[in-house]
Amino acid sequence: MTEVDDNITGSNESNRPRRKRRREWIITLVVFLLLMIFTRFETQLFELTAKLPLSNSILILAIINLNILLIILFLFLIFRNLFKLLLERRRAVPGAKLRTKLVVTFIALSLIPTMLLYFVSAGFITSSIENWFNQQIESSLQESLEVAQTYYKNSASNALYYADQLANMIKEQRLLKEENIGQLEQLLQQKQVEYNLGIVEVFSSTFEELVRSSNPQIPEAEFTDPGSDNIREALEGNRFSRITPIGRADLIRGVVPIYSNWNPNDVVGVVVVNYYVPYSLVNKMKEISNSFEQFKNTKLLKGNIKSGYLVFLLLIALVIIFLATWFGFHLARGITVPIQELAVATKRVADGDLNVLLDVKSDDEVGSLVNSFNTMTTDLRAGRQQLTEANIELQSSNLELDQRRRYMETILGNVTAGIISVDQEGRLTTINAAAEKLLQIDTAKVLGQNFKEIVSEEHLPMV
């Protein structure tokens, strides 16, 4: 029963560290998977921030904070392992010194290249981010935006200029009269082709469209509503230009009032000149504008982005150090735990307990050592069993011989003739009382001696 109880207790004690190691494996695996997912997420940082321009700062700060939390977690795991190792060393736990050497060696081997890689990568990241936001790139984007804006401004100015030209021609030639509408239509067609205009429209003071001439190459034509605010504002004497989106393109309108020949302050009509801006140009303009706006917004977060990448790089370095520490502990445990169990078992053997068997958990040299120890204890236990049985047999034989000796002494003591016995070498083994008296010797003094040295010469022939 004692051996069975010891085996059950030892089994429970050996299962405890196994369950603990299983939990550590699961926690490490979960943290590693989360780290991989987070790494994938951070590599798409700029894509995500481009889709969410209003949340750039919040997103980057959230990533930095998450990095910091992971750094704190790995620092806790590293220092927890080191503190545990220090406690084991102070308590003189068997194998603690070897475990300390292995862990320190692994940390040293990983720390030097990791720190070197960290500082080189940090310098590279810093210079790359500075190059992303240098003044030359900002100037190029700003100049590109200014070129696009200048194109729109020039188009608006040209629309107003040609509208003025047409308004003056209509005023001077009095083409708003009903009998001159045909000439007005010819004039608009001629100038539309000459000035390469998109759409030219003329309205009367009664909000009526008189003549319209449009470029047939324009894919999408949107004409001015006679009752629109643009016509109403122009009839009030205002001269202006407007940009109106039509589908995926833009229409730049120049609206100019036509004054009366009799009263310079009297508006008798409106000329509308339209420039068509195709989608390709509009799209380029929007891309340039969006890129410049995004560049300015991202530049404000340059420090946060740099800090985020440096913190993430530090996190990677800590992960490497943690894995080196964990691997050192794991390797040391695979060596020191069997040695520790072997030391305890050896002490039990030294105390006389040969019913010790260690579980073989590996097939390496340590496993061979444990197998050899188990074989040794098995042989010692079998040898002790054989020795015990031989001792019992010897005691039984000695008891039987002692009984025979006493029996013979009793018989010899009652015989009147003198009797002595010797072994093969002539040493005296037994002497009865009659022989002792006849030979005049003391039995206690002469037993074991050669009979020739004890018996006198005159009695030798008789012996």
Protein backbone atom coordinates (compact mmCIF):
# COMPACT_ATOMS: atom_id res chain seq x y z
CA MET A 1 0.00 0.00 0.00
CA THR A 2 2.84 2.41 0.80
CA GLU A 3 4.42 1.94 -2.61
CA VAL A 4 1.08 2.47 -4.35
CA ASP A 5 0.38 5.63 -2.34
CA ASP A 6 3.84 6.96 -3.15
CA ASN A 7 3.24 6.34 -6.85
CA ILE A 8 -0.14 8.12 -6.74
CA THR A 9 1.33 11.08 -4.86
CA GLY A 10 4.25 11.29 -7.26
CA SER A 11 1.86 11.10 -10.22
CA ASN A 12 -0.22 14.01 -8.87
CA GLU A 13 2.88 16.07 -8.17
CA SER A 14 4.23 15.42 -11.67
CA ASN A 15 0.87 16.32 -13.27
CA ARG A 16 0.81 19.74 -11.59
CA PRO A 17 3.76 21.22 -13.52
CA ARG A 18 2.39 19.63 -16.71
CA ARG A 19 -0.92 21.43 -16.30
CA LYS A 20 0.92 24.66 -15.51
CA ARG A 21 3.11 24.31 -18.60
CA ARG A 22 0.01 23.60 -20.70
CA ARG A 23 -1.57 26.86 -19.48
CA GLU A 24 1.63 28.75 -20.27
CA TRP A 25 1.64 27.27 -23.79
CA ILE A 26 -1.97 28.30 -24.36
CA ILE A 27 -1.38 31.87 -23.08
CA THR A 28 1.76 32.23 -25.20
CA LEU A 29 -0.04 30.96 -28.30
CA VAL A 30 -2.99 33.33 -27.79
CA VAL A 31 -0.68 36.34 -27.28
CA PHE A 32 1.33 35.37 -30.36
CA LEU A 33 -1.80 35.11 -32.52
CA LEU A 34 -3.05 38.48 -31.25
CA LEU A 35 0.34 39.98 -32.03
CA MET A 36 0.23 38.62 -35.60
CA ILE A 37 -3.28 39.98 -36.14
CA PHE A 38 -2.26 43.34 -34.73
CA THR A 39 0.85 43.41 -36.94
CA ARG A 40 -1.31 42.85 -40.01
CA PHE A 41 -3.62 45.62 -38.84
CA GLU A 42 -0.78 48.09 -38.30
CA THR A 43 0.77 47.46 -41.71
CA GLN A 44 -2.46 48.81 -43.21
CA LEU A 45 -2.37 51.94 -41.04
CA PHE A 46 -2.22 54.44 -43.88
CA GLU A 47 -4.94 52.68 -45.87
CA LEU A 48 -7.26 52.76 -42.88
CA THR A 49 -6.51 56.36 -42.08
CA ALA A 50 -7.09 57.32 -45.70
CA LYS A 51 -10.56 55.85 -45.52
CA LEU A 52 -11.24 57.53 -42.18
CA PRO A 53 -9.63 60.98 -42.45
CA LEU A 54 -11.54 62.39 -39.51
CA SER A 55 -10.35 59.61 -37.21
CA ASN A 56 -6.62 59.67 -38.02
CA SER A 57 -5.52 61.02 -34.69
CA ILE A 58 -7.84 58.78 -32.67
CA LEU A 59 -6.83 55.69 -34.63
CA ILE A 60 -3.10 56.33 -34.34
CA LEU A 61 -3.34 57.14 -30.64
CA ALA A 62 -5.38 53.97 -30.09
CA ILE A 63 -2.70 51.92 -31.86
CA ILE A 64 0.06 53.54 -29.79
CA ASN A 65 -1.86 52.85 -26.57
CA LEU A 66 -2.46 49.25 -27.60
CA ASN A 67 1.26 48.92 -28.33
CA ILE A 68 2.07 50.30 -24.90
CA LEU A 69 -0.33 47.83 -23.26
CA LEU A 70 1.34 44.95 -25.08
CA ILE A 71 4.77 46.26 -24.06
CA ILE A 72 3.65 46.36 -20.41
CA LEU A 73 2.32 42.80 -20.76
CA PHE A 74 5.58 41.45 -22.16
CA LEU A 75 7.65 43.39 -19.61
CA PHE A 76 5.52 41.84 -16.88
CA LEU A 77 6.03 38.33 -18.30
CA ILE A 78 9.80 38.85 -18.66
CA PHE A 79 10.32 40.27 -15.16
CA ARG A 80 7.97 37.66 -13.70
CA ASN A 81 10.15 34.89 -15.09
CA LEU A 82 13.36 36.59 -13.95
CA PHE A 83 11.94 37.21 -10.46
CA LYS A 84 10.86 33.58 -10.23
CA LEU A 85 14.36 32.51 -11.27
CA LEU A 86 15.90 34.79 -8.61
CA LEU A 87 13.67 33.33 -5.88
CA GLU A 88 14.60 29.78 -6.89
CA ARG A 89 18.28 30.69 -6.76
CA ARG A 90 17.95 32.27 -3.29
CA ARG A 91 16.04 29.24 -2.00
CA ALA A 92 18.80 27.00 -3.35
CA VAL A 93 16.35 24.97 -5.41
CA PRO A 94 18.23 22.13 -7.12
CA GLY A 95 19.04 23.09 -10.70
CA ALA A 96 18.45 26.83 -10.15
CA LYS A 97 22.06 27.76 -10.93
CA LEU A 98 22.10 25.83 -14.18
CA ARG A 99 18.71 27.30 -15.10
CA THR A 100 20.03 30.81 -14.39
CA LYS A 101 23.05 30.26 -16.61
CA LEU A 102 20.95 28.98 -19.51
CA VAL A 103 18.37 31.80 -19.26
CA VAL A 104 21.05 34.50 -18.99
CA THR A 105 22.90 32.99 -21.95
CA PHE A 106 19.78 32.98 -24.14
CA ILE A 107 18.90 36.55 -23.13
CA ALA A 108 22.44 37.75 -23.87
CA LEU A 109 22.50 36.00 -27.24
CA SER A 110 19.18 37.55 -28.25
CA LEU A 111 19.62 40.97 -26.62
CA ILE A 112 22.71 42.10 -28.54
CA PRO A 113 21.38 41.50 -32.10
CA THR A 114 17.89 42.62 -31.08
CA MET A 115 19.08 45.98 -29.73
CA LEU A 116 21.34 46.44 -32.76
CA LEU A 117 18.41 45.70 -35.06
CA TYR A 118 16.16 48.02 -33.03
CA PHE A 119 18.46 51.04 -33.28
CA VAL A 120 19.18 50.49 -36.98
CA SER A 121 15.47 50.06 -37.75
CA ALA A 122 14.55 53.05 -35.60
CA GLY A 123 16.98 55.22 -37.53
CA PHE A 124 15.64 53.92 -40.82
CA ILE A 125 12.02 54.54 -39.77
CA THR A 126 12.84 58.05 -38.56
CA SER A 127 14.62 59.01 -41.78
CA SER A 128 11.85 57.44 -43.90
CA ILE A 129 9.10 59.36 -42.10
CA GLU A 130 11.09 62.57 -42.41
CA ASN A 131 11.42 61.92 -46.14
CA TRP A 132 7.67 61.32 -46.38
CA PHE A 133 6.95 64.76 -45.02
CA ASN A 134 9.85 66.79 -46.38
CA GLN A 135 9.36 70.28 -47.78
CA GLN A 136 9.99 69.22 -51.38
CA ILE A 137 7.03 66.84 -51.45
CA GLU A 138 4.78 69.39 -49.79
CA SER A 139 5.84 72.06 -52.29
CA SER A 140 5.23 69.71 -55.24
CA LEU A 141 1.72 68.88 -54.03
CA GLN A 142 0.94 72.52 -53.34
CA GLU A 143 2.21 73.62 -56.77
CA SER A 144 0.17 70.89 -58.45
CA LEU A 145 -2.93 72.09 -56.61
CA GLU A 146 -2.18 75.68 -57.57
CA VAL A 147 -1.83 74.67 -61.25
CA ALA A 148 -5.25 72.98 -61.15
CA GLN A 149 -6.80 75.95 -59.36
CA THR A 150 -5.18 78.33 -61.88
CA TYR A 151 -6.77 76.37 -64.72
CA TYR A 152 -10.20 76.87 -63.18
CA LYS A 153 -9.52 80.55 -62.55
CA ASN A 154 -8.31 81.10 -66.12
CA SER A 155 -11.33 79.27 -67.48
CA ALA A 156 -13.65 81.42 -65.37
CA SER A 157 -11.83 84.59 -66.52
CA ASN A 158 -12.04 83.53 -70.15
CA ALA A 159 -15.74 82.77 -69.78
CA LEU A 160 -16.34 86.28 -68.41
CA TYR A 161 -14.09 87.85 -71.04
CA TYR A 162 -15.85 86.19 -74.00
CA ALA A 163 -19.23 86.86 -72.43
CA ASP A 164 -18.27 90.55 -72.25
CA GLN A 165 -17.19 90.49 -75.87
CA LEU A 166 -20.46 88.91 -76.97
CA ALA A 167 -22.53 91.30 -74.79
CA ASN A 168 -20.85 94.31 -76.38
CA MET A 169 -21.36 92.92 -79.90
CA ILE A 170 -25.02 92.25 -79.19
CA LYS A 171 -25.44 95.73 -77.72
CA GLU A 172 -23.69 97.49 -80.58
CA GLN A 173 -25.48 95.54 -83.32
CA ARG A 174 -28.81 95.65 -81.49
CA LEU A 175 -29.27 91.91 -82.00
CA LEU A 176 -31.88 91.52 -79.26
CA LYS A 177 -34.55 92.93 -81.54
CA GLU A 178 -36.92 90.36 -82.85
CA GLU A 179 -35.98 90.97 -86.48
CA ASN A 180 -32.27 90.42 -85.68
CA ILE A 181 -32.58 87.06 -83.91
CA GLY A 182 -31.27 85.23 -86.99
CA GLN A 183 -28.13 87.36 -87.02
CA LEU A 184 -27.76 86.76 -83.28
CA GLU A 185 -27.91 83.02 -83.82
CA GLN A 186 -25.27 83.22 -86.56
CA LEU A 187 -23.03 85.34 -84.35
CA LEU A 188 -23.23 82.86 -81.44
CA GLN A 189 -22.48 79.89 -83.68
CA GLN A 190 -19.53 81.70 -85.21
CA LYS A 191 -18.03 82.85 -81.91
CA GLN A 192 -18.69 79.49 -80.21
CA VAL A 193 -16.48 77.82 -82.78
CA GLU A 194 -13.96 80.68 -82.90
CA TYR A 195 -13.52 80.92 -79.12
CA ASN A 196 -13.85 77.14 -78.63
CA LEU A 197 -16.64 77.61 -76.14
CA GLY A 198 -18.83 74.90 -74.68
CA ILE A 199 -22.30 76.44 -74.60
CA VAL A 200 -23.36 80.04 -75.37
CA GLU A 201 -26.82 81.22 -74.33
CA VAL A 202 -28.63 84.55 -74.60
CA PHE A 203 -31.66 85.46 -72.43
CA SER A 204 -34.06 88.40 -72.59
CA SER A 205 -35.03 90.61 -69.68
CA THR A 206 -38.29 88.65 -69.45
CA PHE A 207 -36.38 85.42 -68.50
CA GLU A 208 -36.80 83.97 -71.98
CA GLU A 209 -34.04 82.04 -73.74
CA LEU A 210 -33.56 83.68 -77.15
CA VAL A 211 -30.65 81.78 -78.73
CA ARG A 212 -28.43 78.86 -77.76
CA SER A 213 -25.32 77.45 -79.43
CA SER A 214 -23.50 74.40 -78.04
CA ASN A 215 -20.47 72.33 -78.92
CA PRO A 216 -21.64 68.89 -80.20
CA GLN A 217 -18.55 67.23 -78.73
CA ILE A 218 -19.73 67.90 -75.19
CA PRO A 219 -21.02 64.51 -73.90
CA GLU A 220 -23.25 65.96 -71.24
CA ALA A 221 -24.93 69.30 -71.85
CA GLU A 222 -26.72 71.08 -69.06
CA PHE A 223 -28.41 74.28 -70.16
CA THR A 224 -29.18 77.24 -67.97
CA ASP A 225 -32.69 77.47 -66.59
CA PRO A 226 -34.19 80.80 -67.69
CA GLY A 227 -35.76 81.30 -64.31
CA SER A 228 -32.67 80.40 -62.30
CA ASP A 229 -30.98 82.62 -59.76
CA ASN A 230 -28.06 83.09 -62.14
CA ILE A 231 -30.26 84.86 -64.72
CA ARG A 232 -32.07 86.79 -62.01
CA GLU A 233 -28.79 88.01 -60.49
CA ALA A 234 -27.38 89.01 -63.90
CA LEU A 235 -30.54 90.99 -64.75
CA GLU A 236 -29.87 92.96 -61.58
CA GLY A 237 -26.61 94.14 -63.19
CA ASN A 238 -24.18 91.66 -61.63
CA ARG A 239 -21.33 90.10 -63.58
CA PHE A 240 -19.99 86.80 -62.14
CA SER A 241 -18.74 83.30 -62.84
CA ARG A 242 -19.87 79.99 -61.28
CA ILE A 243 -18.66 76.39 -61.29
CA THR A 244 -21.51 73.88 -61.61
CA PRO A 245 -21.01 70.07 -61.39
CA ILE A 246 -22.81 68.14 -64.12
CA GLY A 247 -22.56 64.41 -63.60
CA ARG A 248 -18.87 63.61 -63.15
CA ALA A 249 -17.73 66.76 -65.02
CA ASP A 250 -17.76 70.49 -64.23
CA LEU A 251 -19.29 73.44 -66.09
CA ILE A 252 -17.68 76.86 -65.65
CA ARG A 253 -20.24 79.63 -66.38
CA GLY A 254 -19.50 83.24 -67.10
CA VAL A 255 -22.69 85.35 -66.75
CA VAL A 256 -22.70 88.95 -68.04
CA PRO A 257 -25.62 91.40 -68.36
CA ILE A 258 -26.43 93.13 -71.70
CA TYR A 259 -27.10 96.83 -71.27
CA SER A 260 -29.43 99.01 -73.36
CA ASN A 261 -28.07 101.41 -75.96
CA TRP A 262 -30.38 104.15 -74.71
CA ASN A 263 -29.87 103.75 -70.95
CA PRO A 264 -26.48 102.40 -69.78
CA ASN A 265 -28.03 101.30 -66.49
CA ASP A 266 -30.89 99.39 -68.08
CA VAL A 267 -30.28 95.61 -68.43
CA VAL A 268 -32.08 94.22 -71.46
CA GLY A 269 -30.59 90.71 -71.58
CA VAL A 270 -28.02 88.19 -70.31
CA VAL A 271 -25.17 86.32 -72.03
CA VAL A 272 -24.04 83.00 -70.51
CA VAL A 273 -20.77 81.45 -71.71
CA ASN A 274 -19.99 77.90 -70.48
CA TYR A 275 -16.67 76.06 -70.42
CA TYR A 276 -16.89 72.28 -70.16
CA VAL A 277 -14.27 70.60 -67.92
CA PRO A 278 -14.11 66.83 -68.70
CA TYR A 279 -14.18 64.13 -66.03
CA SER A 280 -10.51 63.19 -66.49
CA LEU A 281 -9.43 66.70 -65.60
CA VAL A 282 -11.95 67.03 -62.78
CA ASN A 283 -10.81 63.71 -61.34
CA LYS A 284 -7.16 64.77 -61.45
CA MET A 285 -8.08 67.99 -59.74
CA LYS A 286 -9.90 66.14 -56.97
CA GLU A 287 -7.05 63.67 -56.55
CA ILE A 288 -4.53 66.47 -56.22
CA SER A 289 -6.74 68.35 -53.79
CA ASN A 290 -7.44 65.25 -51.69
CA SER A 291 -3.77 64.25 -51.68
CA PHE A 292 -2.68 67.67 -50.53
CA GLU A 293 -5.37 67.80 -47.85
CA GLN A 294 -4.49 64.33 -46.65
CA PHE A 295 -0.80 65.24 -46.66
CA LYS A 296 -1.46 68.26 -44.46
CA ASN A 297 -3.62 66.25 -42.05
CA THR A 298 -1.11 63.42 -41.88
CA LYS A 299 1.79 65.82 -41.39
CA LEU A 300 0.14 67.01 -38.17
CA LEU A 301 0.34 63.39 -36.96
CA LYS A 302 3.96 62.89 -38.01
CA GLY A 303 5.15 62.69 -34.40
CA ASN A 304 2.41 60.24 -33.45
CA ILE A 305 3.08 58.04 -36.47
CA LYS A 306 6.80 57.98 -35.72
CA SER A 307 6.13 57.18 -32.06
CA GLY A 308 3.69 54.44 -33.07
CA TYR A 309 6.23 52.69 -35.28
CA LEU A 310 9.04 53.05 -32.72
CA VAL A 311 6.82 51.69 -29.96
CA PHE A 312 5.78 48.80 -32.20
CA LEU A 313 9.45 48.14 -33.00
CA LEU A 314 10.20 48.11 -29.27
CA LEU A 315 7.34 45.66 -28.82
CA ILE A 316 8.88 43.33 -31.41
CA ALA A 317 12.23 43.54 -29.57
CA LEU A 318 10.54 42.68 -26.28
CA VAL A 319 8.75 39.75 -27.93
CA ILE A 320 12.11 38.40 -29.10
CA ILE A 321 13.61 38.82 -25.62
CA PHE A 322 10.53 37.21 -24.05
CA LEU A 323 10.73 34.25 -26.44
CA ALA A 324 14.45 33.88 -25.66
CA THR A 325 13.66 33.95 -21.92
CA TRP A 326 10.82 31.49 -22.30
CA PHE A 327 12.90 29.17 -24.49
CA GLY A 328 15.73 29.34 -21.94
CA PHE A 329 13.31 28.40 -19.16
CA HIS A 330 11.82 25.63 -21.25
CA LEU A 331 15.22 24.18 -22.15
CA ALA A 332 16.48 24.56 -18.57
CA ARG A 333 13.34 22.89 -17.25
CA GLY A 334 13.91 19.96 -19.60
CA ILE A 335 17.40 19.55 -18.12
CA THR A 336 17.13 20.62 -14.48
CA VAL A 337 13.76 19.06 -13.60
CA PRO A 338 14.92 15.49 -14.40
CA ILE A 339 18.21 16.21 -12.63
CA GLN A 340 16.32 17.55 -9.63
CA GLU A 341 14.08 14.49 -9.54
CA LEU A 342 17.16 12.31 -9.94
CA ALA A 343 18.87 14.05 -6.99
CA VAL A 344 15.82 13.52 -4.75
CA ALA A 345 15.56 9.89 -5.85
CA THR A 346 19.30 9.36 -5.20
CA LYS A 347 18.88 10.67 -1.66
CA ARG A 348 15.99 8.26 -1.10
CA VAL A 349 18.17 5.43 -2.38
CA ALA A 350 20.96 6.54 -0.04
CA ASP A 351 18.46 6.41 2.84
CA GLY A 352 17.66 2.83 1.93
CA ASP A 353 14.53 3.26 -0.18
CA LEU A 354 15.08 1.18 -3.30
CA ASN A 355 11.44 1.32 -4.44
CA VAL A 356 12.10 4.45 -6.49
CA LEU A 357 11.21 4.70 -10.17
CA LEU A 358 11.33 7.91 -12.22
CA ASP A 359 9.03 8.67 -15.15
CA VAL A 360 10.90 8.82 -18.46
CA LYS A 361 9.71 12.03 -20.25
CA SER A 362 12.30 12.26 -23.01
CA ASP A 363 14.42 10.08 -25.26
CA ASP A 364 17.60 12.19 -25.14
CA GLU A 365 20.67 11.82 -22.94
CA VAL A 366 18.72 12.88 -19.85
CA GLY A 367 16.16 10.18 -20.60
CA SER A 368 19.00 7.65 -20.94
CA LEU A 369 20.32 8.76 -17.56
CA VAL A 370 16.89 8.29 -15.97
CA ASN A 371 16.58 4.86 -17.60
CA SER A 372 20.00 3.90 -16.24
CA PHE A 373 18.98 5.07 -12.78
CA ASN A 374 15.77 3.04 -12.92
CA THR A 375 17.77 -0.01 -14.07
CA MET A 376 20.25 0.52 -11.22
CA THR A 377 17.54 0.74 -8.55
CA THR A 378 15.81 -2.32 -10.01
CA ASP A 379 19.10 -4.27 -9.89
CA LEU A 380 19.85 -3.04 -6.38
CA ARG A 381 16.38 -4.02 -5.24
CA ALA A 382 16.77 -7.47 -6.81
CA GLY A 383 20.28 -7.85 -5.32
CA ARG A 384 19.06 -6.86 -1.87
CA GLN A 385 16.23 -9.36 -2.18
CA GLN A 386 18.69 -12.10 -3.13
CA LEU A 387 21.03 -11.09 -0.31
CA THR A 388 18.20 -11.19 2.17
CA GLU A 389 17.18 -14.65 1.01
CA ALA A 390 20.81 -15.87 1.15
CA ASN A 391 21.20 -14.44 4.65
CA ILE A 392 18.09 -16.25 5.78
CA GLU A 393 19.40 -19.52 4.30
CA LEU A 394 22.81 -18.95 5.94
CA GLN A 395 21.23 -18.32 9.32
CA SER A 396 19.19 -21.49 8.92
CA SER A 397 22.35 -23.45 7.99
CA ASN A 398 24.30 -22.02 10.92
CA LEU A 399 21.49 -22.90 13.29
CA GLU A 400 21.41 -26.45 11.96
CA LEU A 401 25.19 -26.78 12.24
CA ASP A 402 25.14 -25.42 15.77
CA GLN A 403 22.50 -27.97 16.71
CA ARG A 404 24.59 -30.78 15.21
CA ARG A 405 27.71 -29.54 17.02
CA ARG A 406 25.92 -29.52 20.35
CA TYR A 407 24.56 -33.00 19.64
CA MET A 408 28.02 -34.32 18.90
CA GLU A 409 29.49 -32.64 21.96
CA THR A 410 26.83 -34.30 24.08
CA ILE A 411 27.63 -37.70 22.57
CA LEU A 412 31.39 -37.22 22.88
CA GLY A 413 31.07 -36.03 26.47
CA ASN A 414 29.44 -39.28 27.45
CA VAL A 415 32.03 -41.49 25.70
CA THR A 416 34.88 -42.77 27.97
CA ALA A 417 37.33 -43.06 25.09
CA GLY A 418 39.31 -39.98 24.10
CA ILE A 419 38.15 -38.52 20.80
CA ILE A 420 39.48 -35.54 18.85
CA SER A 421 38.58 -34.27 15.37
CA VAL A 422 40.65 -32.28 12.89
CA ASP A 423 39.96 -30.64 9.53
CA GLN A 424 41.81 -31.28 6.26
CA GLU A 425 44.70 -29.05 7.36
CA GLY A 426 45.07 -30.77 10.72
CA ARG A 427 43.51 -28.08 12.89
CA LEU A 428 41.63 -29.20 15.98
CA THR A 429 37.90 -28.79 15.73
CA THR A 430 36.50 -30.82 18.67
CA ILE A 431 37.95 -32.55 21.80
CA ASN A 432 35.94 -34.52 24.29
CA ALA A 433 36.54 -34.53 27.99
CA ALA A 434 38.28 -37.92 27.99
CA ALA A 435 40.80 -36.80 25.37
CA GLU A 436 41.33 -33.52 27.21
CA LYS A 437 42.11 -35.42 30.40
CA LEU A 438 44.27 -37.98 28.67
CA LEU A 439 46.31 -35.43 26.68
CA GLN A 440 46.35 -32.92 29.57
CA ILE A 441 45.30 -29.93 27.40
CA ASP A 442 42.78 -27.09 27.74
CA THR A 443 40.19 -27.27 24.96
CA ALA A 444 39.45 -23.51 24.93
CA LYS A 445 43.14 -22.72 24.32
CA VAL A 446 43.97 -25.23 21.63
CA LEU A 447 40.93 -25.26 19.33
CA GLY A 448 41.92 -24.16 15.86
CA GLN A 449 45.59 -25.04 16.30
CA ASN A 450 47.44 -27.84 14.50
CA PHE A 451 47.20 -31.04 16.50
CA LYS A 452 50.94 -31.76 16.00
CA GLU A 453 51.80 -28.62 17.94
CA ILE A 454 49.55 -29.59 20.86
CA VAL A 455 49.90 -33.31 21.24
CA SER A 456 53.17 -34.50 22.78
CA GLU A 457 55.47 -36.81 20.81
CA GLU A 458 54.69 -39.79 22.97
CA HIS A 459 51.01 -39.43 22.22
CA LEU A 460 51.40 -38.74 18.48
CA PRO A 461 51.50 -42.36 17.46
CA MET A 462 48.38 -42.95 19.45
CA VAL A 463 46.62 -39.98 17.81
